[in-house]
């Protein structure tokens, strides 16, 4: 079972994610507890959409928070702390399938990226491309970025996104189409420089 923070601490519920991300680097566990309480259920739900085992999902999310606390002083949340957490869950889910050799079809497109050695030229190219794409995602209009993250990072359906953002499913489709088109343009522009490994990462994002 996952650990739970039980310390009596100040109320940080009114702080924005951006404020919490800044405070996390210099404050004590009270900030971490607020982030934990704010995201635990959402991250668990995202993991459960891919791994139909509650205990494993809890371990996946717990590992994300453990690493968040351990590395809090050096982390940089380029696209926001929420995006960081959901992306970390996604990588942990992929790693779970890789380690247990389950559902090879699910991880076939991601596996090449995950297994690359950090010292290889291919990894350098792919990592550089990922940074460019993350930057591009951060520059999307707020609503468009929210739709993309809910769809591709939190694994929510268009119907769920429409309900959460109080917009129509047609509007969700429009925002998602715009985001994917922007990503494809970015990838196309970078192709001459980052050709190695492009197909693997293209599948990973789209």
N, C-alpha and C. Protein backbone atom coordinates (compact mmCIF):
# COMPACT_ATOMS: atom_id res chain seq x y z
N UNK A 1 0.84 -1.20 0.00
CA UNK A 1 0.00 0.00 0.00
C UNK A 1 0.87 1.25 0.00
N UNK A 2 0.45 2.32 -0.67
CA UNK A 2 1.26 3.54 -0.73
C UNK A 2 1.30 4.24 0.60
N UNK A 3 2.42 4.94 0.84
CA UNK A 3 2.50 5.70 2.07
C UNK A 3 1.63 6.93 1.97
N UNK A 4 1.22 7.46 3.12
CA UNK A 4 0.40 8.66 3.17
C UNK A 4 1.04 9.65 4.14
N UNK A 5 1.07 10.92 3.76
CA UNK A 5 1.60 11.94 4.64
C UNK A 5 0.53 12.34 5.65
N UNK A 6 0.87 12.34 6.91
CA UNK A 6 -0.12 12.62 7.94
C UNK A 6 0.23 13.82 8.81
N UNK A 7 1.31 14.54 8.46
CA UNK A 7 1.71 15.68 9.26
C UNK A 7 0.68 16.80 9.17
N UNK A 8 0.49 17.52 10.25
CA UNK A 8 -0.42 18.66 10.25
C UNK A 8 0.36 19.88 9.79
N UNK A 9 -0.03 20.43 8.66
CA UNK A 9 0.76 21.49 8.06
C UNK A 9 -0.13 22.63 7.61
N UNK A 10 0.49 23.68 7.08
CA UNK A 10 -0.25 24.84 6.62
C UNK A 10 -1.12 24.53 5.42
N UNK A 11 -2.04 25.45 5.14
CA UNK A 11 -2.96 25.27 4.02
C UNK A 11 -2.38 25.91 2.76
N UNK A 12 -2.03 25.08 1.79
CA UNK A 12 -1.48 25.57 0.53
C UNK A 12 -2.41 25.28 -0.63
N UNK A 13 -3.66 24.97 -0.33
CA UNK A 13 -4.60 24.55 -1.37
C UNK A 13 -4.91 25.66 -2.37
N UNK A 14 -4.72 26.92 -1.98
CA UNK A 14 -5.03 28.03 -2.87
C UNK A 14 -3.85 28.41 -3.76
N UNK A 15 -2.70 27.79 -3.54
CA UNK A 15 -1.54 28.07 -4.38
C UNK A 15 -1.70 27.44 -5.75
N UNK A 16 -1.22 28.11 -6.78
CA UNK A 16 -1.25 27.54 -8.12
C UNK A 16 -0.15 26.49 -8.26
N UNK A 17 -0.25 25.68 -9.30
CA UNK A 17 0.79 24.68 -9.55
C UNK A 17 2.15 25.34 -9.75
N UNK A 18 2.15 26.49 -10.43
CA UNK A 18 3.40 27.20 -10.68
C UNK A 18 4.04 27.65 -9.37
N UNK A 19 3.21 28.14 -8.45
CA UNK A 19 3.73 28.58 -7.15
C UNK A 19 4.26 27.39 -6.35
N UNK A 20 3.54 26.29 -6.38
CA UNK A 20 3.98 25.10 -5.66
C UNK A 20 5.30 24.57 -6.21
N UNK A 21 5.45 24.62 -7.54
CA UNK A 21 6.68 24.14 -8.17
C UNK A 21 7.88 24.95 -7.69
N UNK A 22 7.69 26.27 -7.56
CA UNK A 22 8.78 27.13 -7.09
C UNK A 22 9.07 26.89 -5.61
N UNK A 23 8.01 26.76 -4.81
CA UNK A 23 8.18 26.56 -3.38
C UNK A 23 8.78 25.20 -3.05
N UNK A 24 8.50 24.21 -3.90
CA UNK A 24 8.97 22.85 -3.63
C UNK A 24 10.48 22.78 -3.50
N UNK A 25 11.18 23.60 -4.26
CA UNK A 25 12.64 23.55 -4.26
C UNK A 25 13.25 24.04 -2.95
N UNK A 26 12.52 24.90 -2.24
CA UNK A 26 13.10 25.53 -1.06
C UNK A 26 12.33 25.27 0.23
N UNK A 27 11.13 24.71 0.12
CA UNK A 27 10.30 24.52 1.31
C UNK A 27 10.36 23.08 1.81
N UNK A 28 9.67 22.85 2.91
CA UNK A 28 9.66 21.53 3.52
C UNK A 28 8.57 20.64 2.96
N UNK A 29 8.26 19.56 3.68
CA UNK A 29 7.31 18.56 3.19
C UNK A 29 5.87 19.05 3.06
N UNK A 30 5.54 20.21 3.65
CA UNK A 30 4.16 20.69 3.54
C UNK A 30 3.78 21.00 2.09
N UNK A 31 4.74 21.51 1.31
CA UNK A 31 4.48 21.79 -0.10
C UNK A 31 4.32 20.48 -0.86
N UNK A 32 5.20 19.55 -0.56
CA UNK A 32 5.13 18.25 -1.20
C UNK A 32 3.79 17.57 -0.92
N UNK A 33 3.31 17.69 0.31
CA UNK A 33 2.04 17.08 0.69
C UNK A 33 0.89 17.66 -0.14
N UNK A 34 0.92 18.97 -0.38
CA UNK A 34 -0.14 19.59 -1.17
C UNK A 34 -0.13 19.06 -2.61
N UNK A 35 1.06 18.94 -3.19
CA UNK A 35 1.18 18.39 -4.55
C UNK A 35 0.71 16.94 -4.56
N UNK A 36 1.11 16.21 -3.54
CA UNK A 36 0.72 14.80 -3.41
C UNK A 36 -0.80 14.67 -3.35
N UNK A 37 -1.43 15.42 -2.48
CA UNK A 37 -2.89 15.35 -2.33
C UNK A 37 -3.61 15.81 -3.59
N UNK A 38 -3.04 16.79 -4.27
CA UNK A 38 -3.68 17.36 -5.45
C UNK A 38 -3.63 16.41 -6.65
N UNK A 39 -2.57 15.62 -6.73
CA UNK A 39 -2.37 14.82 -7.94
C UNK A 39 -2.47 13.31 -7.76
N UNK A 40 -2.46 12.80 -6.54
CA UNK A 40 -2.42 11.35 -6.35
C UNK A 40 -3.54 10.63 -7.10
N UNK A 41 -4.78 11.01 -6.86
CA UNK A 41 -5.91 10.31 -7.48
C UNK A 41 -5.89 10.43 -9.00
N UNK A 42 -5.53 11.60 -9.50
CA UNK A 42 -5.50 11.81 -10.95
C UNK A 42 -4.42 10.97 -11.61
N UNK A 43 -3.26 10.89 -10.97
CA UNK A 43 -2.18 10.08 -11.52
C UNK A 43 -2.52 8.59 -11.45
N UNK A 44 -3.15 8.20 -10.36
CA UNK A 44 -3.55 6.80 -10.21
C UNK A 44 -4.56 6.42 -11.29
N UNK A 45 -5.48 7.32 -11.57
CA UNK A 45 -6.48 7.07 -12.62
C UNK A 45 -5.81 6.96 -13.99
N UNK A 46 -4.83 7.83 -14.26
CA UNK A 46 -4.12 7.78 -15.53
C UNK A 46 -3.36 6.47 -15.69
N UNK A 47 -2.72 6.02 -14.62
CA UNK A 47 -1.99 4.76 -14.67
C UNK A 47 -2.94 3.59 -14.87
N UNK A 48 -4.10 3.67 -14.23
CA UNK A 48 -5.05 2.56 -14.28
C UNK A 48 -5.67 2.40 -15.67
N UNK A 49 -5.64 3.45 -16.47
CA UNK A 49 -6.15 3.34 -17.84
C UNK A 49 -5.26 2.44 -18.69
N UNK A 50 -3.99 2.28 -18.27
CA UNK A 50 -3.04 1.46 -19.02
C UNK A 50 -2.68 0.16 -18.30
N UNK A 51 -2.77 0.16 -16.98
CA UNK A 51 -2.42 -1.03 -16.20
C UNK A 51 -3.61 -1.38 -15.33
N UNK A 52 -4.28 -2.46 -15.64
CA UNK A 52 -5.51 -2.82 -14.93
C UNK A 52 -5.22 -3.60 -13.64
N UNK A 53 -4.34 -3.03 -12.84
CA UNK A 53 -3.99 -3.64 -11.57
C UNK A 53 -3.74 -2.51 -10.58
N UNK A 54 -4.64 -2.37 -9.61
CA UNK A 54 -4.57 -1.23 -8.69
C UNK A 54 -3.27 -1.20 -7.90
N UNK A 55 -2.82 -2.34 -7.43
CA UNK A 55 -1.60 -2.39 -6.62
C UNK A 55 -0.39 -1.93 -7.43
N UNK A 56 -0.29 -2.40 -8.67
CA UNK A 56 0.83 -1.99 -9.53
C UNK A 56 0.74 -0.50 -9.83
N UNK A 57 -0.48 -0.01 -10.07
CA UNK A 57 -0.66 1.42 -10.34
C UNK A 57 -0.22 2.27 -9.15
N UNK A 58 -0.55 1.81 -7.95
CA UNK A 58 -0.14 2.54 -6.75
C UNK A 58 1.38 2.58 -6.63
N UNK A 59 2.03 1.47 -6.98
CA UNK A 59 3.49 1.42 -6.94
C UNK A 59 4.09 2.38 -7.97
N UNK A 60 3.47 2.44 -9.15
CA UNK A 60 3.94 3.32 -10.21
C UNK A 60 3.86 4.78 -9.78
N UNK A 61 2.72 5.16 -9.22
CA UNK A 61 2.52 6.55 -8.79
C UNK A 61 3.39 6.88 -7.58
N UNK A 62 3.52 5.94 -6.67
CA UNK A 62 4.36 6.16 -5.49
C UNK A 62 5.80 6.41 -5.91
N UNK A 63 6.27 5.67 -6.90
CA UNK A 63 7.64 5.85 -7.39
C UNK A 63 7.83 7.24 -7.98
N UNK A 64 6.80 7.75 -8.67
CA UNK A 64 6.88 9.09 -9.24
C UNK A 64 7.04 10.13 -8.13
N UNK A 65 6.26 10.01 -7.07
CA UNK A 65 6.35 10.97 -5.98
C UNK A 65 7.65 10.83 -5.19
N UNK A 66 8.12 9.60 -5.06
CA UNK A 66 9.40 9.38 -4.37
C UNK A 66 10.53 10.10 -5.10
N UNK A 67 10.55 9.98 -6.42
CA UNK A 67 11.58 10.63 -7.22
C UNK A 67 11.40 12.15 -7.23
N UNK A 68 10.15 12.60 -7.21
CA UNK A 68 9.88 14.04 -7.15
C UNK A 68 10.50 14.64 -5.90
N UNK A 69 10.30 13.99 -4.76
CA UNK A 69 10.85 14.49 -3.50
C UNK A 69 12.37 14.40 -3.47
N UNK A 70 12.90 13.28 -3.94
CA UNK A 70 14.34 13.07 -3.89
C UNK A 70 15.10 14.05 -4.79
N UNK A 71 14.48 14.43 -5.93
CA UNK A 71 15.17 15.27 -6.91
C UNK A 71 14.60 16.69 -6.98
N UNK A 72 13.83 17.08 -5.97
CA UNK A 72 13.10 18.35 -6.03
C UNK A 72 13.99 19.57 -6.24
N UNK A 73 15.21 19.53 -5.73
CA UNK A 73 16.08 20.71 -5.82
C UNK A 73 16.66 20.91 -7.21
N UNK A 74 16.66 19.87 -8.04
CA UNK A 74 17.29 19.97 -9.36
C UNK A 74 16.30 19.89 -10.52
N UNK A 75 15.05 19.59 -10.24
CA UNK A 75 14.06 19.43 -11.31
C UNK A 75 13.69 20.77 -11.94
N UNK A 76 13.44 20.73 -13.25
CA UNK A 76 12.98 21.91 -13.99
C UNK A 76 11.66 21.54 -14.66
N UNK A 77 10.59 22.24 -14.30
CA UNK A 77 9.26 21.91 -14.82
C UNK A 77 8.96 22.80 -16.02
N UNK A 78 9.52 22.44 -17.17
CA UNK A 78 9.40 23.25 -18.38
C UNK A 78 7.95 23.49 -18.78
N UNK A 79 7.15 22.44 -18.74
CA UNK A 79 5.75 22.54 -19.16
C UNK A 79 4.80 22.45 -17.98
N UNK A 80 5.28 22.70 -16.77
CA UNK A 80 4.44 22.66 -15.59
C UNK A 80 4.60 21.38 -14.80
N UNK A 81 4.33 21.45 -13.51
CA UNK A 81 4.53 20.29 -12.65
C UNK A 81 3.53 19.18 -12.97
N UNK A 82 2.32 19.56 -13.40
CA UNK A 82 1.33 18.54 -13.76
C UNK A 82 1.78 17.72 -14.95
N UNK A 83 2.29 18.41 -15.97
CA UNK A 83 2.80 17.72 -17.15
C UNK A 83 3.95 16.80 -16.78
N UNK A 84 4.83 17.28 -15.89
CA UNK A 84 5.96 16.46 -15.44
C UNK A 84 5.47 15.17 -14.78
N UNK A 85 4.49 15.29 -13.89
CA UNK A 85 4.01 14.13 -13.14
C UNK A 85 3.32 13.11 -14.05
N UNK A 86 2.46 13.58 -14.95
CA UNK A 86 1.76 12.66 -15.84
C UNK A 86 2.73 12.00 -16.83
N UNK A 87 3.73 12.75 -17.27
CA UNK A 87 4.73 12.17 -18.17
C UNK A 87 5.55 11.12 -17.43
N UNK A 88 5.87 11.39 -16.16
CA UNK A 88 6.62 10.43 -15.36
C UNK A 88 5.82 9.14 -15.18
N UNK A 89 4.52 9.27 -14.96
CA UNK A 89 3.66 8.09 -14.85
C UNK A 89 3.68 7.30 -16.15
N UNK A 90 3.62 8.02 -17.26
CA UNK A 90 3.63 7.35 -18.57
C UNK A 90 4.92 6.55 -18.76
N UNK A 91 6.05 7.15 -18.42
CA UNK A 91 7.33 6.43 -18.54
C UNK A 91 7.36 5.22 -17.61
N UNK A 92 6.82 5.36 -16.40
CA UNK A 92 6.81 4.23 -15.47
C UNK A 92 5.92 3.10 -15.97
N UNK A 93 4.81 3.46 -16.62
CA UNK A 93 3.94 2.43 -17.20
C UNK A 93 4.68 1.68 -18.30
N UNK A 94 5.36 2.43 -19.16
CA UNK A 94 6.14 1.81 -20.23
C UNK A 94 7.21 0.90 -19.64
N UNK A 95 7.87 1.37 -18.59
CA UNK A 95 8.93 0.59 -17.97
C UNK A 95 8.36 -0.68 -17.34
N UNK A 96 7.16 -0.58 -16.79
CA UNK A 96 6.51 -1.75 -16.20
C UNK A 96 6.31 -2.83 -17.26
N UNK A 97 5.78 -2.45 -18.42
CA UNK A 97 5.56 -3.42 -19.48
C UNK A 97 6.88 -3.97 -20.03
N UNK A 98 7.88 -3.09 -20.10
CA UNK A 98 9.17 -3.54 -20.61
C UNK A 98 9.78 -4.59 -19.69
N UNK A 99 9.74 -4.34 -18.39
CA UNK A 99 10.35 -5.25 -17.42
C UNK A 99 9.64 -6.59 -17.38
N UNK A 100 8.36 -6.59 -17.55
CA UNK A 100 7.60 -7.83 -17.43
C UNK A 100 7.29 -8.47 -18.78
N UNK A 101 7.78 -7.87 -19.83
CA UNK A 101 7.60 -8.43 -21.18
C UNK A 101 6.13 -8.73 -21.47
N UNK A 102 5.26 -7.76 -21.13
CA UNK A 102 3.83 -7.94 -21.33
C UNK A 102 3.35 -6.96 -22.38
N UNK A 103 2.39 -7.39 -23.17
CA UNK A 103 1.76 -6.56 -24.19
C UNK A 103 2.80 -5.91 -25.10
N UNK A 104 3.55 -6.72 -25.80
CA UNK A 104 4.60 -6.21 -26.67
C UNK A 104 4.07 -5.23 -27.71
N UNK A 105 2.85 -5.43 -28.14
CA UNK A 105 2.30 -4.53 -29.15
C UNK A 105 2.11 -3.12 -28.60
N UNK A 106 1.82 -3.02 -27.30
CA UNK A 106 1.62 -1.70 -26.69
C UNK A 106 2.91 -0.89 -26.64
N UNK A 107 4.02 -1.57 -26.34
CA UNK A 107 5.27 -0.83 -26.15
C UNK A 107 6.19 -0.86 -27.37
N UNK A 108 5.75 -1.43 -28.48
CA UNK A 108 6.64 -1.60 -29.63
C UNK A 108 7.21 -0.27 -30.12
N UNK A 109 6.38 0.78 -30.15
CA UNK A 109 6.86 2.07 -30.65
C UNK A 109 7.70 2.81 -29.63
N UNK A 110 7.40 2.60 -28.32
CA UNK A 110 8.14 3.29 -27.27
C UNK A 110 9.44 2.59 -26.92
N UNK A 111 9.50 1.27 -27.13
CA UNK A 111 10.59 0.46 -26.61
C UNK A 111 11.95 0.89 -27.16
N UNK A 112 11.99 1.25 -28.43
CA UNK A 112 13.27 1.64 -29.03
C UNK A 112 13.84 2.86 -28.33
N UNK A 113 12.96 3.79 -27.95
CA UNK A 113 13.44 5.00 -27.27
C UNK A 113 13.87 4.68 -25.84
N UNK A 114 13.07 3.87 -25.14
CA UNK A 114 13.37 3.58 -23.74
C UNK A 114 14.67 2.81 -23.59
N UNK A 115 14.97 1.90 -24.54
CA UNK A 115 16.13 1.03 -24.41
C UNK A 115 17.43 1.65 -24.91
N UNK A 116 17.36 2.82 -25.52
CA UNK A 116 18.58 3.43 -26.03
C UNK A 116 19.53 3.79 -24.90
N UNK A 117 20.78 3.53 -25.09
CA UNK A 117 21.78 3.88 -24.10
C UNK A 117 22.03 5.38 -24.14
N UNK A 118 22.19 6.00 -22.96
CA UNK A 118 22.35 7.45 -22.89
C UNK A 118 23.59 7.95 -23.63
N UNK A 119 24.54 7.09 -23.88
CA UNK A 119 25.78 7.53 -24.50
C UNK A 119 25.72 7.46 -26.03
N UNK A 120 24.67 6.86 -26.59
CA UNK A 120 24.62 6.69 -28.03
C UNK A 120 24.22 7.96 -28.74
N UNK A 121 24.64 8.07 -29.98
CA UNK A 121 24.30 9.24 -30.78
C UNK A 121 22.79 9.31 -31.01
N UNK A 122 22.16 8.13 -31.17
CA UNK A 122 20.72 8.10 -31.39
C UNK A 122 19.97 8.71 -30.21
N UNK A 123 20.43 8.38 -29.00
CA UNK A 123 19.76 8.92 -27.81
C UNK A 123 19.87 10.44 -27.78
N UNK A 124 21.04 10.95 -28.12
CA UNK A 124 21.24 12.40 -28.11
C UNK A 124 20.27 13.08 -29.07
N UNK A 125 20.14 12.52 -30.27
CA UNK A 125 19.23 13.09 -31.25
C UNK A 125 17.79 13.05 -30.75
N UNK A 126 17.37 11.89 -30.24
CA UNK A 126 16.00 11.73 -29.79
C UNK A 126 15.70 12.64 -28.60
N UNK A 127 16.65 12.74 -27.69
CA UNK A 127 16.45 13.58 -26.52
C UNK A 127 16.34 15.04 -26.91
N UNK A 128 17.14 15.45 -27.89
CA UNK A 128 17.09 16.83 -28.38
C UNK A 128 15.74 17.11 -29.03
N UNK A 129 15.26 16.15 -29.81
CA UNK A 129 13.96 16.30 -30.46
C UNK A 129 12.85 16.40 -29.43
N UNK A 130 12.92 15.57 -28.40
CA UNK A 130 11.91 15.59 -27.34
C UNK A 130 11.86 16.96 -26.66
N UNK A 131 13.02 17.56 -26.42
CA UNK A 131 13.07 18.87 -25.79
C UNK A 131 12.40 19.92 -26.67
N UNK A 132 12.65 19.84 -27.99
CA UNK A 132 12.03 20.78 -28.92
C UNK A 132 10.50 20.61 -28.90
N UNK A 133 10.04 19.37 -28.87
CA UNK A 133 8.61 19.11 -28.88
C UNK A 133 7.97 19.57 -27.58
N UNK A 134 8.63 19.31 -26.45
CA UNK A 134 8.11 19.77 -25.15
C UNK A 134 7.97 21.29 -25.13
N UNK A 135 8.95 21.97 -25.72
CA UNK A 135 8.90 23.43 -25.79
C UNK A 135 7.73 23.88 -26.65
N UNK A 136 7.52 23.18 -27.78
CA UNK A 136 6.42 23.52 -28.67
C UNK A 136 5.08 23.32 -27.98
N UNK A 137 4.95 22.23 -27.21
CA UNK A 137 3.71 21.96 -26.48
C UNK A 137 3.43 23.06 -25.47
N UNK A 138 4.49 23.52 -24.80
CA UNK A 138 4.33 24.58 -23.80
C UNK A 138 3.88 25.89 -24.43
N UNK A 139 4.14 26.07 -25.73
CA UNK A 139 3.78 27.31 -26.43
C UNK A 139 2.38 27.27 -27.05
N UNK A 140 1.72 26.12 -26.99
CA UNK A 140 0.37 26.03 -27.54
C UNK A 140 -0.58 26.93 -26.74
N UNK A 141 -1.66 27.41 -27.36
CA UNK A 141 -2.67 28.16 -26.60
C UNK A 141 -3.14 27.33 -25.42
N UNK A 142 -3.51 28.00 -24.34
CA UNK A 142 -3.83 27.32 -23.08
C UNK A 142 -4.84 26.19 -23.28
N UNK A 143 -5.97 26.47 -23.92
CA UNK A 143 -7.01 25.46 -24.09
C UNK A 143 -6.52 24.31 -24.97
N UNK A 144 -5.81 24.65 -26.02
CA UNK A 144 -5.28 23.65 -26.94
C UNK A 144 -4.29 22.74 -26.22
N UNK A 145 -3.42 23.34 -25.41
CA UNK A 145 -2.44 22.56 -24.65
C UNK A 145 -3.13 21.65 -23.63
N UNK A 146 -4.17 22.17 -22.98
CA UNK A 146 -4.89 21.38 -21.99
C UNK A 146 -5.52 20.15 -22.63
N UNK A 147 -6.13 20.34 -23.81
CA UNK A 147 -6.76 19.22 -24.51
C UNK A 147 -5.71 18.18 -24.89
N UNK A 148 -4.58 18.63 -25.42
CA UNK A 148 -3.52 17.71 -25.82
C UNK A 148 -3.01 16.90 -24.62
N UNK A 149 -2.76 17.57 -23.50
CA UNK A 149 -2.22 16.89 -22.33
C UNK A 149 -3.23 15.91 -21.74
N UNK A 150 -4.50 16.30 -21.71
CA UNK A 150 -5.52 15.39 -21.20
C UNK A 150 -5.66 14.16 -22.09
N UNK A 151 -5.50 14.35 -23.40
CA UNK A 151 -5.66 13.25 -24.34
C UNK A 151 -4.43 12.36 -24.39
N UNK A 152 -3.25 12.96 -24.59
CA UNK A 152 -2.05 12.18 -24.85
C UNK A 152 -1.24 11.83 -23.60
N UNK A 153 -1.44 12.58 -22.52
CA UNK A 153 -0.67 12.32 -21.31
C UNK A 153 -1.52 11.67 -20.22
N UNK A 154 -2.77 12.15 -20.07
CA UNK A 154 -3.65 11.56 -19.06
C UNK A 154 -4.54 10.47 -19.65
N UNK A 155 -4.44 10.25 -20.97
CA UNK A 155 -5.15 9.16 -21.65
C UNK A 155 -6.67 9.27 -21.57
N UNK A 156 -7.20 10.48 -21.50
CA UNK A 156 -8.65 10.64 -21.40
C UNK A 156 -9.29 10.65 -22.78
N UNK A 157 -10.55 10.21 -22.83
CA UNK A 157 -11.29 10.20 -24.09
C UNK A 157 -11.77 11.61 -24.41
N UNK A 158 -12.18 11.82 -25.67
CA UNK A 158 -12.69 13.13 -26.05
C UNK A 158 -13.92 13.51 -25.23
N UNK A 159 -14.75 12.51 -24.92
CA UNK A 159 -15.95 12.76 -24.12
C UNK A 159 -15.58 13.22 -22.71
N UNK A 160 -14.58 12.56 -22.11
CA UNK A 160 -14.14 12.94 -20.77
C UNK A 160 -13.53 14.33 -20.77
N UNK A 161 -12.76 14.64 -21.81
CA UNK A 161 -12.13 15.96 -21.91
C UNK A 161 -13.19 17.04 -22.06
N UNK A 162 -14.19 16.78 -22.91
CA UNK A 162 -15.26 17.75 -23.14
C UNK A 162 -15.99 18.05 -21.84
N UNK A 163 -16.25 17.01 -21.05
CA UNK A 163 -16.94 17.19 -19.78
C UNK A 163 -16.10 17.97 -18.79
N UNK A 164 -14.81 17.65 -18.71
CA UNK A 164 -13.92 18.31 -17.75
C UNK A 164 -13.71 19.79 -18.08
N UNK A 165 -13.59 20.11 -19.37
CA UNK A 165 -13.32 21.48 -19.78
C UNK A 165 -14.59 22.26 -20.14
N UNK A 166 -15.74 21.57 -20.05
CA UNK A 166 -17.03 22.20 -20.35
C UNK A 166 -17.08 22.74 -21.77
N UNK A 167 -16.64 21.92 -22.71
CA UNK A 167 -16.70 22.27 -24.13
C UNK A 167 -17.27 21.07 -24.89
N UNK A 168 -17.60 21.27 -26.15
CA UNK A 168 -18.17 20.18 -26.94
C UNK A 168 -17.08 19.22 -27.41
N UNK A 169 -17.48 17.99 -27.74
CA UNK A 169 -16.51 17.03 -28.25
C UNK A 169 -15.93 17.51 -29.58
N UNK A 170 -16.75 18.23 -30.35
CA UNK A 170 -16.27 18.78 -31.63
C UNK A 170 -15.15 19.78 -31.38
N UNK A 171 -15.30 20.59 -30.33
CA UNK A 171 -14.25 21.56 -29.99
C UNK A 171 -12.99 20.84 -29.53
N UNK A 172 -13.17 19.76 -28.78
CA UNK A 172 -12.03 18.96 -28.35
C UNK A 172 -11.26 18.45 -29.56
N UNK A 173 -11.99 17.91 -30.53
CA UNK A 173 -11.37 17.39 -31.75
C UNK A 173 -10.61 18.49 -32.48
N UNK A 174 -11.19 19.69 -32.50
CA UNK A 174 -10.54 20.81 -33.18
C UNK A 174 -9.23 21.19 -32.51
N UNK A 175 -9.23 21.28 -31.18
CA UNK A 175 -8.02 21.62 -30.45
C UNK A 175 -6.95 20.54 -30.62
N UNK A 176 -7.38 19.28 -30.58
CA UNK A 176 -6.44 18.18 -30.71
C UNK A 176 -5.83 18.15 -32.10
N UNK A 177 -6.65 18.41 -33.11
CA UNK A 177 -6.15 18.46 -34.49
C UNK A 177 -5.12 19.57 -34.64
N UNK A 178 -5.41 20.73 -34.06
CA UNK A 178 -4.49 21.87 -34.14
C UNK A 178 -3.16 21.53 -33.46
N UNK A 179 -3.23 20.90 -32.29
CA UNK A 179 -2.01 20.55 -31.55
C UNK A 179 -1.17 19.56 -32.34
N UNK A 180 -1.81 18.54 -32.90
CA UNK A 180 -1.07 17.51 -33.65
C UNK A 180 -0.47 18.09 -34.93
N UNK A 181 -1.20 19.00 -35.57
CA UNK A 181 -0.67 19.64 -36.77
C UNK A 181 0.58 20.45 -36.42
N UNK A 182 0.53 21.17 -35.31
CA UNK A 182 1.68 21.96 -34.88
C UNK A 182 2.88 21.07 -34.58
N UNK A 183 2.62 19.92 -33.95
CA UNK A 183 3.70 18.98 -33.66
C UNK A 183 4.31 18.43 -34.94
N UNK A 184 3.47 18.12 -35.91
CA UNK A 184 3.98 17.58 -37.17
C UNK A 184 4.82 18.61 -37.91
N UNK A 185 4.40 19.88 -37.84
CA UNK A 185 5.18 20.95 -38.46
C UNK A 185 6.54 21.05 -37.78
N UNK A 186 6.54 21.00 -36.45
CA UNK A 186 7.79 21.07 -35.69
C UNK A 186 8.72 19.93 -36.07
N UNK A 187 8.18 18.73 -36.14
CA UNK A 187 8.99 17.56 -36.49
C UNK A 187 9.54 17.68 -37.90
N UNK A 188 8.71 18.17 -38.83
CA UNK A 188 9.14 18.34 -40.21
C UNK A 188 10.29 19.34 -40.31
N UNK A 189 10.17 20.45 -39.57
CA UNK A 189 11.22 21.47 -39.60
C UNK A 189 12.53 20.97 -39.03
N UNK A 190 12.44 20.06 -38.05
CA UNK A 190 13.65 19.55 -37.40
C UNK A 190 14.23 18.34 -38.12
N UNK A 191 13.52 17.82 -39.09
CA UNK A 191 13.92 16.57 -39.73
C UNK A 191 15.34 16.58 -40.29
N UNK A 192 15.79 17.64 -40.95
CA UNK A 192 17.15 17.62 -41.49
C UNK A 192 18.22 17.45 -40.41
N UNK A 193 17.93 17.94 -39.21
CA UNK A 193 18.93 17.90 -38.14
C UNK A 193 18.78 16.67 -37.26
N UNK A 194 17.53 16.26 -37.06
CA UNK A 194 17.26 15.17 -36.12
C UNK A 194 16.62 13.98 -36.81
N UNK A 195 17.17 13.59 -37.93
CA UNK A 195 16.58 12.51 -38.72
C UNK A 195 16.68 11.17 -38.01
N UNK A 196 17.78 10.94 -37.30
CA UNK A 196 17.99 9.65 -36.65
C UNK A 196 16.95 9.44 -35.55
N UNK A 197 16.24 8.37 -35.63
CA UNK A 197 15.27 8.02 -34.60
C UNK A 197 13.96 8.76 -34.68
N UNK A 198 13.73 9.52 -35.75
CA UNK A 198 12.52 10.34 -35.85
C UNK A 198 11.26 9.49 -35.80
N UNK A 199 11.24 8.39 -36.51
CA UNK A 199 10.02 7.59 -36.58
C UNK A 199 9.60 7.05 -35.22
N UNK A 200 10.57 6.64 -34.38
CA UNK A 200 10.23 6.11 -33.07
C UNK A 200 9.57 7.17 -32.19
N UNK A 201 10.16 8.36 -32.14
CA UNK A 201 9.62 9.39 -31.27
C UNK A 201 8.34 9.97 -31.83
N UNK A 202 8.21 9.99 -33.16
CA UNK A 202 6.98 10.47 -33.78
C UNK A 202 5.81 9.61 -33.31
N UNK A 203 6.00 8.29 -33.28
CA UNK A 203 4.95 7.39 -32.81
C UNK A 203 4.69 7.58 -31.32
N UNK A 204 5.75 7.87 -30.58
CA UNK A 204 5.61 8.03 -29.13
C UNK A 204 4.69 9.19 -28.78
N UNK A 205 4.80 10.30 -29.54
CA UNK A 205 4.01 11.48 -29.25
C UNK A 205 2.65 11.47 -29.94
N UNK A 206 2.58 10.93 -31.15
CA UNK A 206 1.35 11.04 -31.92
C UNK A 206 0.65 9.71 -32.07
